[in-house]
N, C-alpha and C. Protein backbone atom coordinates (compact mmCIF):
# COMPACT_ATOMS: atom_id res chain seq x y z
N UNK A 1 38.64 -69.10 123.47
CA UNK A 1 38.64 -70.53 123.54
C UNK A 1 37.28 -71.01 124.03
N UNK A 2 37.05 -72.27 123.94
CA UNK A 2 35.75 -72.84 124.26
C UNK A 2 35.64 -73.14 125.75
N UNK A 3 34.55 -72.73 126.34
CA UNK A 3 34.27 -73.02 127.74
C UNK A 3 32.95 -73.79 127.79
N UNK A 4 32.85 -74.74 128.68
CA UNK A 4 31.64 -75.53 128.82
C UNK A 4 30.79 -75.00 129.96
N UNK A 5 29.46 -75.04 129.80
CA UNK A 5 28.54 -74.64 130.86
C UNK A 5 28.16 -75.84 131.73
N UNK A 6 28.64 -77.03 131.36
CA UNK A 6 28.34 -78.22 132.12
C UNK A 6 29.35 -78.40 133.25
N UNK A 7 28.90 -79.03 134.33
CA UNK A 7 29.82 -79.32 135.42
C UNK A 7 30.75 -80.47 135.01
N UNK A 8 31.81 -80.67 135.77
CA UNK A 8 32.73 -81.77 135.46
C UNK A 8 32.04 -83.12 135.55
N UNK A 9 31.13 -83.27 136.51
CA UNK A 9 30.40 -84.53 136.65
C UNK A 9 29.52 -84.79 135.43
N UNK A 10 28.84 -83.74 134.96
CA UNK A 10 27.99 -83.89 133.76
C UNK A 10 28.85 -84.22 132.54
N UNK A 11 30.00 -83.56 132.42
CA UNK A 11 30.89 -83.82 131.29
C UNK A 11 31.39 -85.26 131.29
N UNK A 12 31.70 -85.79 132.46
CA UNK A 12 32.20 -87.16 132.55
C UNK A 12 31.14 -88.20 132.21
N UNK A 13 29.86 -87.83 132.33
CA UNK A 13 28.79 -88.79 132.04
C UNK A 13 28.39 -88.82 130.57
N UNK A 14 28.91 -87.92 129.76
CA UNK A 14 28.56 -87.85 128.34
C UNK A 14 29.54 -88.67 127.52
N UNK A 15 29.02 -89.54 126.66
CA UNK A 15 29.87 -90.30 125.75
C UNK A 15 29.97 -89.54 124.43
N UNK A 16 31.20 -89.25 124.03
CA UNK A 16 31.44 -88.49 122.80
C UNK A 16 32.22 -89.37 121.83
N UNK A 17 31.71 -89.47 120.61
CA UNK A 17 32.41 -90.21 119.57
C UNK A 17 33.14 -89.25 118.65
N UNK A 18 34.12 -89.76 117.91
CA UNK A 18 34.88 -88.93 116.98
C UNK A 18 35.01 -89.66 115.65
N UNK A 19 34.91 -88.91 114.59
CA UNK A 19 35.07 -89.43 113.24
C UNK A 19 36.16 -88.59 112.57
N UNK A 20 37.19 -89.25 112.07
CA UNK A 20 38.29 -88.57 111.40
C UNK A 20 38.34 -89.04 109.95
N UNK A 21 38.51 -88.11 109.01
CA UNK A 21 38.59 -88.49 107.61
C UNK A 21 39.49 -87.53 106.84
N UNK A 22 40.04 -88.05 105.75
CA UNK A 22 40.95 -87.29 104.89
C UNK A 22 40.13 -86.36 103.99
N UNK A 23 40.66 -85.16 103.75
CA UNK A 23 39.96 -84.16 102.95
C UNK A 23 40.90 -83.66 101.85
N UNK A 24 40.39 -83.52 100.64
CA UNK A 24 41.17 -82.94 99.55
C UNK A 24 40.91 -81.43 99.50
N UNK A 25 41.96 -80.65 99.54
CA UNK A 25 41.87 -79.20 99.48
C UNK A 25 42.54 -78.73 98.20
N UNK A 26 41.84 -77.91 97.44
CA UNK A 26 42.43 -77.36 96.21
C UNK A 26 43.12 -76.04 96.53
N UNK A 27 44.29 -76.15 97.14
CA UNK A 27 45.09 -74.99 97.50
C UNK A 27 46.54 -75.39 97.29
N UNK A 28 47.27 -74.61 96.53
CA UNK A 28 48.63 -75.02 96.16
C UNK A 28 49.58 -75.09 97.34
N UNK A 29 49.23 -74.47 98.47
CA UNK A 29 50.09 -74.52 99.65
C UNK A 29 49.77 -75.70 100.57
N UNK A 30 48.57 -76.28 100.46
CA UNK A 30 48.16 -77.36 101.37
C UNK A 30 48.82 -78.68 101.00
N UNK A 31 49.23 -79.40 102.02
CA UNK A 31 49.83 -80.72 101.85
C UNK A 31 48.74 -81.79 101.92
N UNK A 32 49.12 -83.01 101.63
CA UNK A 32 48.17 -84.12 101.61
C UNK A 32 47.75 -84.60 102.99
N UNK A 33 48.26 -84.02 104.06
CA UNK A 33 47.96 -84.48 105.41
C UNK A 33 46.70 -83.85 105.98
N UNK A 34 45.85 -83.27 105.18
CA UNK A 34 44.67 -82.58 105.65
C UNK A 34 43.62 -83.57 106.15
N UNK A 35 43.07 -83.29 107.34
CA UNK A 35 42.06 -84.14 107.95
C UNK A 35 40.96 -83.27 108.56
N UNK A 36 39.80 -83.87 108.70
CA UNK A 36 38.69 -83.25 109.43
C UNK A 36 38.31 -84.21 110.55
N UNK A 37 37.94 -83.66 111.69
CA UNK A 37 37.47 -84.45 112.81
C UNK A 37 36.11 -83.91 113.24
N UNK A 38 35.15 -84.82 113.39
CA UNK A 38 33.80 -84.46 113.84
C UNK A 38 33.53 -85.14 115.17
N UNK A 39 32.93 -84.41 116.10
CA UNK A 39 32.56 -84.96 117.40
C UNK A 39 31.05 -85.06 117.48
N UNK A 40 30.56 -86.17 118.04
CA UNK A 40 29.12 -86.39 118.12
C UNK A 40 28.76 -87.17 119.38
N UNK A 41 27.50 -87.03 119.79
CA UNK A 41 26.93 -87.81 120.88
C UNK A 41 25.66 -88.47 120.35
N UNK A 42 24.94 -89.18 121.21
CA UNK A 42 23.66 -89.76 120.81
C UNK A 42 22.66 -88.67 120.43
N UNK A 43 22.81 -87.48 121.01
CA UNK A 43 21.89 -86.37 120.73
C UNK A 43 22.17 -85.70 119.39
N UNK A 44 23.34 -85.90 118.81
CA UNK A 44 23.65 -85.28 117.52
C UNK A 44 25.08 -84.81 117.42
N UNK A 45 25.33 -84.03 116.38
CA UNK A 45 26.66 -83.53 116.08
C UNK A 45 27.03 -82.39 117.02
N UNK A 46 28.22 -82.46 117.59
CA UNK A 46 28.71 -81.40 118.48
C UNK A 46 29.51 -80.35 117.72
N UNK A 47 30.20 -80.75 116.69
CA UNK A 47 31.05 -79.84 115.94
C UNK A 47 32.28 -80.55 115.45
N UNK A 48 33.27 -79.79 115.05
CA UNK A 48 34.48 -80.40 114.54
C UNK A 48 35.56 -79.38 114.32
N UNK A 49 36.69 -79.86 113.81
CA UNK A 49 37.76 -78.96 113.43
C UNK A 49 38.61 -79.62 112.36
N UNK A 50 39.38 -78.79 111.67
CA UNK A 50 40.24 -79.28 110.61
C UNK A 50 41.69 -79.30 111.06
N UNK A 51 42.43 -80.23 110.49
CA UNK A 51 43.88 -80.30 110.72
C UNK A 51 44.54 -80.18 109.35
N UNK A 52 45.34 -79.14 109.18
CA UNK A 52 45.93 -78.83 107.89
C UNK A 52 47.44 -78.71 108.00
N UNK A 53 48.11 -78.87 106.88
CA UNK A 53 49.55 -78.60 106.79
C UNK A 53 49.77 -77.71 105.57
N UNK A 54 50.45 -76.61 105.78
CA UNK A 54 50.75 -75.66 104.70
C UNK A 54 52.26 -75.63 104.51
N UNK A 55 52.69 -75.92 103.30
CA UNK A 55 54.12 -75.89 102.96
C UNK A 55 54.44 -74.48 102.48
N UNK A 56 55.27 -73.78 103.23
CA UNK A 56 55.63 -72.40 102.91
C UNK A 56 56.82 -72.37 101.96
N UNK A 57 56.84 -71.36 101.11
CA UNK A 57 57.99 -71.12 100.24
C UNK A 57 58.69 -69.86 100.73
N UNK A 58 59.86 -69.60 100.21
CA UNK A 58 60.63 -68.43 100.64
C UNK A 58 59.94 -67.12 100.26
N UNK A 59 59.07 -67.16 99.24
CA UNK A 59 58.40 -65.94 98.76
C UNK A 59 57.22 -65.53 99.63
N UNK A 60 56.75 -66.39 100.51
CA UNK A 60 55.57 -66.09 101.32
C UNK A 60 55.96 -65.18 102.48
N UNK A 61 55.39 -63.96 102.48
CA UNK A 61 55.64 -63.04 103.58
C UNK A 61 54.48 -63.14 104.57
N UNK A 62 54.50 -62.30 105.60
CA UNK A 62 53.49 -62.38 106.66
C UNK A 62 52.08 -62.09 106.12
N UNK A 63 51.96 -61.09 105.26
CA UNK A 63 50.65 -60.73 104.71
C UNK A 63 50.12 -61.87 103.83
N UNK A 64 50.98 -62.45 103.01
CA UNK A 64 50.56 -63.58 102.17
C UNK A 64 50.14 -64.77 103.02
N UNK A 65 50.85 -65.02 104.09
CA UNK A 65 50.52 -66.13 104.99
C UNK A 65 49.14 -65.93 105.60
N UNK A 66 48.84 -64.71 106.05
CA UNK A 66 47.52 -64.43 106.61
C UNK A 66 46.43 -64.64 105.57
N UNK A 67 46.69 -64.25 104.32
CA UNK A 67 45.72 -64.47 103.24
C UNK A 67 45.48 -65.95 102.98
N UNK A 68 46.58 -66.73 102.95
CA UNK A 68 46.46 -68.17 102.69
C UNK A 68 45.65 -68.83 103.80
N UNK A 69 45.98 -68.53 105.06
CA UNK A 69 45.23 -69.11 106.17
C UNK A 69 43.78 -68.65 106.15
N UNK A 70 43.56 -67.37 105.91
CA UNK A 70 42.19 -66.84 105.84
C UNK A 70 41.37 -67.49 104.75
N UNK A 71 41.94 -67.66 103.57
CA UNK A 71 41.17 -68.28 102.47
C UNK A 71 40.91 -69.76 102.74
N UNK A 72 41.85 -70.44 103.37
CA UNK A 72 41.66 -71.85 103.72
C UNK A 72 40.52 -72.02 104.72
N UNK A 73 40.53 -71.24 105.78
CA UNK A 73 39.48 -71.33 106.80
C UNK A 73 38.14 -70.88 106.23
N UNK A 74 38.15 -69.83 105.42
CA UNK A 74 36.93 -69.36 104.78
C UNK A 74 36.33 -70.45 103.90
N UNK A 75 37.16 -71.12 103.10
CA UNK A 75 36.68 -72.16 102.22
C UNK A 75 36.07 -73.31 103.02
N UNK A 76 36.75 -73.75 104.09
CA UNK A 76 36.24 -74.84 104.91
C UNK A 76 34.97 -74.43 105.62
N UNK A 77 34.91 -73.20 106.14
CA UNK A 77 33.73 -72.75 106.87
C UNK A 77 32.52 -72.64 105.94
N UNK A 78 32.74 -72.11 104.74
CA UNK A 78 31.63 -71.97 103.79
C UNK A 78 31.18 -73.31 103.23
N UNK A 79 32.09 -74.29 103.16
CA UNK A 79 31.72 -75.58 102.57
C UNK A 79 30.94 -76.46 103.54
N UNK A 80 31.26 -76.41 104.84
CA UNK A 80 30.52 -77.29 105.74
C UNK A 80 29.85 -76.57 106.91
N UNK A 81 30.27 -75.36 107.24
CA UNK A 81 29.62 -74.58 108.28
C UNK A 81 29.79 -75.12 109.69
N UNK A 82 30.49 -76.23 109.85
CA UNK A 82 30.67 -76.83 111.17
C UNK A 82 32.05 -76.51 111.71
N UNK A 83 33.05 -76.56 110.85
CA UNK A 83 34.44 -76.38 111.29
C UNK A 83 34.79 -74.91 111.42
N UNK A 84 34.61 -74.39 112.63
CA UNK A 84 35.02 -73.00 112.84
C UNK A 84 36.38 -72.92 113.52
N UNK A 85 37.03 -74.10 113.72
CA UNK A 85 38.36 -74.14 114.32
C UNK A 85 39.27 -75.02 113.48
N UNK A 86 40.58 -74.71 113.54
CA UNK A 86 41.54 -75.53 112.79
C UNK A 86 42.90 -75.46 113.46
N UNK A 87 43.63 -76.55 113.35
CA UNK A 87 45.05 -76.59 113.69
C UNK A 87 45.81 -76.66 112.37
N UNK A 88 46.78 -75.78 112.21
CA UNK A 88 47.52 -75.71 110.95
C UNK A 88 49.01 -75.80 111.24
N UNK A 89 49.65 -76.78 110.63
CA UNK A 89 51.11 -76.90 110.72
C UNK A 89 51.70 -76.08 109.58
N UNK A 90 52.57 -75.16 109.91
CA UNK A 90 53.26 -74.35 108.91
C UNK A 90 54.65 -74.95 108.71
N UNK A 91 54.85 -75.61 107.57
CA UNK A 91 56.13 -76.24 107.27
C UNK A 91 56.99 -75.23 106.53
N UNK A 92 58.10 -74.85 107.13
CA UNK A 92 58.96 -73.81 106.58
C UNK A 92 59.93 -74.40 105.56
N UNK A 93 60.54 -73.55 104.72
CA UNK A 93 61.46 -74.04 103.68
C UNK A 93 62.63 -74.87 104.23
N UNK A 94 63.06 -74.61 105.48
CA UNK A 94 64.16 -75.39 106.07
C UNK A 94 63.65 -76.66 106.77
N UNK A 95 62.37 -77.03 106.54
CA UNK A 95 61.70 -78.20 107.10
C UNK A 95 61.45 -78.12 108.61
N UNK A 96 61.66 -76.97 109.24
CA UNK A 96 61.19 -76.79 110.60
C UNK A 96 59.70 -76.42 110.51
N UNK A 97 59.00 -76.42 111.62
CA UNK A 97 57.58 -76.10 111.54
C UNK A 97 57.11 -75.37 112.78
N UNK A 98 56.00 -74.68 112.61
CA UNK A 98 55.33 -74.02 113.72
C UNK A 98 53.84 -74.37 113.61
N UNK A 99 53.07 -73.95 114.60
CA UNK A 99 51.66 -74.33 114.67
C UNK A 99 50.79 -73.10 114.75
N UNK A 100 49.63 -73.17 114.10
CA UNK A 100 48.64 -72.09 114.18
C UNK A 100 47.32 -72.71 114.61
N UNK A 101 46.70 -72.11 115.63
CA UNK A 101 45.34 -72.46 116.01
C UNK A 101 44.47 -71.33 115.49
N UNK A 102 43.50 -71.64 114.64
CA UNK A 102 42.64 -70.61 114.04
C UNK A 102 41.20 -70.86 114.45
N UNK A 103 40.48 -69.78 114.76
CA UNK A 103 39.10 -69.90 115.22
C UNK A 103 38.27 -68.76 114.64
N UNK A 104 37.13 -69.10 114.03
CA UNK A 104 36.21 -68.11 113.48
C UNK A 104 35.28 -67.66 114.60
N UNK A 105 35.20 -66.35 114.81
CA UNK A 105 34.28 -65.79 115.80
C UNK A 105 33.26 -64.92 115.09
N UNK A 106 32.01 -65.35 115.18
CA UNK A 106 30.94 -64.61 114.50
C UNK A 106 30.17 -63.77 115.51
N UNK A 107 29.53 -62.72 115.02
CA UNK A 107 28.65 -61.91 115.85
C UNK A 107 27.29 -62.60 115.87
N UNK A 108 27.02 -63.38 116.92
CA UNK A 108 25.79 -64.17 116.95
C UNK A 108 24.56 -63.34 117.30
N UNK A 109 24.75 -62.05 117.58
CA UNK A 109 23.61 -61.18 117.88
C UNK A 109 22.87 -60.76 116.61
N UNK A 110 23.54 -60.89 115.47
CA UNK A 110 22.92 -60.51 114.21
C UNK A 110 22.19 -61.69 113.58
N UNK A 111 21.07 -61.45 112.90
CA UNK A 111 20.45 -62.54 112.15
C UNK A 111 21.41 -63.04 111.07
N UNK A 112 21.35 -64.32 110.73
CA UNK A 112 22.33 -64.91 109.81
C UNK A 112 22.34 -64.23 108.45
N UNK A 113 21.23 -63.69 108.00
CA UNK A 113 21.22 -63.05 106.68
C UNK A 113 22.05 -61.76 106.64
N UNK A 114 22.39 -61.21 107.81
CA UNK A 114 23.19 -59.99 107.87
C UNK A 114 24.67 -60.27 108.13
N UNK A 115 25.01 -61.52 108.42
CA UNK A 115 26.41 -61.84 108.71
C UNK A 115 27.17 -62.06 107.41
N UNK A 116 27.87 -61.06 106.96
CA UNK A 116 28.65 -61.15 105.73
C UNK A 116 30.13 -61.43 106.02
N UNK A 117 30.58 -61.14 107.24
CA UNK A 117 31.98 -61.38 107.58
C UNK A 117 32.09 -61.79 109.05
N UNK A 118 33.26 -62.28 109.39
CA UNK A 118 33.53 -62.70 110.77
C UNK A 118 35.00 -62.47 111.07
N UNK A 119 35.33 -62.42 112.35
CA UNK A 119 36.72 -62.32 112.76
C UNK A 119 37.35 -63.71 112.74
N UNK A 120 38.56 -63.80 112.25
CA UNK A 120 39.34 -65.02 112.31
C UNK A 120 40.52 -64.75 113.23
N UNK A 121 40.48 -65.36 114.42
CA UNK A 121 41.58 -65.23 115.38
C UNK A 121 42.59 -66.32 115.11
N UNK A 122 43.85 -65.93 115.00
CA UNK A 122 44.92 -66.89 114.74
C UNK A 122 45.96 -66.77 115.85
N UNK A 123 46.30 -67.91 116.44
CA UNK A 123 47.29 -67.99 117.50
C UNK A 123 48.49 -68.75 116.95
N UNK A 124 49.63 -68.07 116.85
CA UNK A 124 50.85 -68.65 116.28
C UNK A 124 51.77 -69.15 117.40
N UNK A 125 52.12 -70.44 117.32
CA UNK A 125 53.01 -71.06 118.29
C UNK A 125 54.29 -71.47 117.56
N UNK A 126 55.38 -70.77 117.86
CA UNK A 126 56.65 -71.06 117.19
C UNK A 126 57.26 -72.37 117.68
N UNK A 127 56.91 -72.79 118.88
CA UNK A 127 57.44 -74.03 119.43
C UNK A 127 56.27 -74.98 119.71
N UNK A 128 55.88 -75.78 118.70
CA UNK A 128 54.72 -76.67 118.86
C UNK A 128 54.86 -77.65 120.02
N UNK A 129 56.08 -78.08 120.35
CA UNK A 129 56.24 -79.03 121.45
C UNK A 129 55.81 -78.41 122.78
N UNK A 130 56.08 -77.12 122.98
CA UNK A 130 55.62 -76.45 124.20
C UNK A 130 54.10 -76.32 124.22
N UNK A 131 53.50 -76.10 123.05
CA UNK A 131 52.03 -76.04 122.95
C UNK A 131 51.42 -77.37 123.40
N UNK A 132 51.88 -78.47 122.81
CA UNK A 132 51.31 -79.77 123.14
C UNK A 132 51.62 -80.18 124.58
N UNK A 133 52.83 -79.91 125.06
CA UNK A 133 53.16 -80.22 126.46
C UNK A 133 52.25 -79.45 127.42
N UNK A 134 52.01 -78.18 127.11
CA UNK A 134 51.15 -77.36 127.96
C UNK A 134 49.71 -77.83 127.96
N UNK A 135 49.17 -78.09 126.77
CA UNK A 135 47.77 -78.52 126.66
C UNK A 135 47.58 -79.89 127.32
N UNK A 136 48.47 -80.82 127.04
CA UNK A 136 48.35 -82.16 127.62
C UNK A 136 48.63 -82.15 129.12
N UNK A 137 49.33 -81.13 129.59
CA UNK A 137 49.60 -80.99 131.02
C UNK A 137 48.52 -80.22 131.76
N UNK A 138 47.44 -79.83 131.08
CA UNK A 138 46.33 -79.15 131.75
C UNK A 138 46.36 -77.64 131.70
N UNK A 139 47.33 -77.05 131.01
CA UNK A 139 47.38 -75.59 130.91
C UNK A 139 46.36 -75.10 129.87
N UNK A 140 46.03 -73.83 129.95
CA UNK A 140 45.16 -73.24 128.93
C UNK A 140 46.02 -72.78 127.76
N UNK A 141 45.39 -72.58 126.62
CA UNK A 141 46.11 -72.13 125.43
C UNK A 141 46.74 -70.76 125.68
N UNK A 142 46.04 -69.92 126.43
CA UNK A 142 46.55 -68.57 126.69
C UNK A 142 47.85 -68.57 127.49
N UNK A 143 48.09 -69.62 128.28
CA UNK A 143 49.29 -69.65 129.10
C UNK A 143 50.54 -70.10 128.34
N UNK A 144 50.35 -70.63 127.14
CA UNK A 144 51.48 -71.06 126.31
C UNK A 144 51.93 -69.87 125.47
N UNK A 145 53.26 -69.65 125.36
CA UNK A 145 53.81 -68.51 124.63
C UNK A 145 53.36 -68.53 123.17
N UNK A 146 52.72 -67.44 122.72
CA UNK A 146 52.21 -67.35 121.35
C UNK A 146 52.00 -65.90 120.94
N UNK A 147 51.78 -65.71 119.64
CA UNK A 147 51.38 -64.41 119.09
C UNK A 147 49.97 -64.54 118.56
N UNK A 148 49.19 -63.49 118.67
CA UNK A 148 47.79 -63.53 118.22
C UNK A 148 47.56 -62.47 117.15
N UNK A 149 46.85 -62.85 116.10
CA UNK A 149 46.49 -61.93 115.02
C UNK A 149 45.03 -62.17 114.67
N UNK A 150 44.30 -61.11 114.36
CA UNK A 150 42.90 -61.22 113.96
C UNK A 150 42.72 -60.55 112.61
N UNK A 151 42.03 -61.24 111.70
CA UNK A 151 41.68 -60.67 110.39
C UNK A 151 40.19 -60.91 110.16
N UNK A 152 39.66 -60.22 109.15
CA UNK A 152 38.26 -60.41 108.76
C UNK A 152 38.20 -61.36 107.57
N UNK A 153 37.23 -62.29 107.59
CA UNK A 153 36.98 -63.15 106.43
C UNK A 153 35.51 -63.00 106.04
N UNK A 154 35.25 -63.18 104.74
CA UNK A 154 33.88 -63.11 104.24
C UNK A 154 33.16 -64.42 104.49
N UNK A 155 31.90 -64.34 104.88
CA UNK A 155 31.08 -65.55 105.10
C UNK A 155 30.07 -65.75 104.00
N UNK A 156 29.84 -64.73 103.18
CA UNK A 156 28.85 -64.84 102.11
C UNK A 156 29.37 -64.09 100.89
N UNK A 157 28.90 -64.51 99.75
CA UNK A 157 29.31 -63.86 98.49
C UNK A 157 28.15 -63.14 97.86
């Protein structure tokens, strides 16, 4: 997860703006609720993340789900290079849902021309209400009950 090197006083003195916009994704599992959020200050762009909804079918198994999430994050990362994080709502066939927090972790010690792949860490939360209650209550993501999976995604072709 992201940690800041700034003190709380320094963080409180920074004004951060946010821009949210709708994004079209060419993926048969993605729903129309896809959004991107960008954060910026007077000094420039801080980064952003994507908010996606994936409608699952009964045929999608765990391996297929990992591929779908991996290809979605890979496509977004390669297209804008800013969104290395995403929140994904997994809408199940019975209309219940769960949440996935996905984050691309690159080896920043290597020069960019050698980075062909990166780890994609995915945190699965079966009870999204507990996730949001915990985060809004000041808990860390690690303290909320979840499962974690890591896969490799390609960064270059």
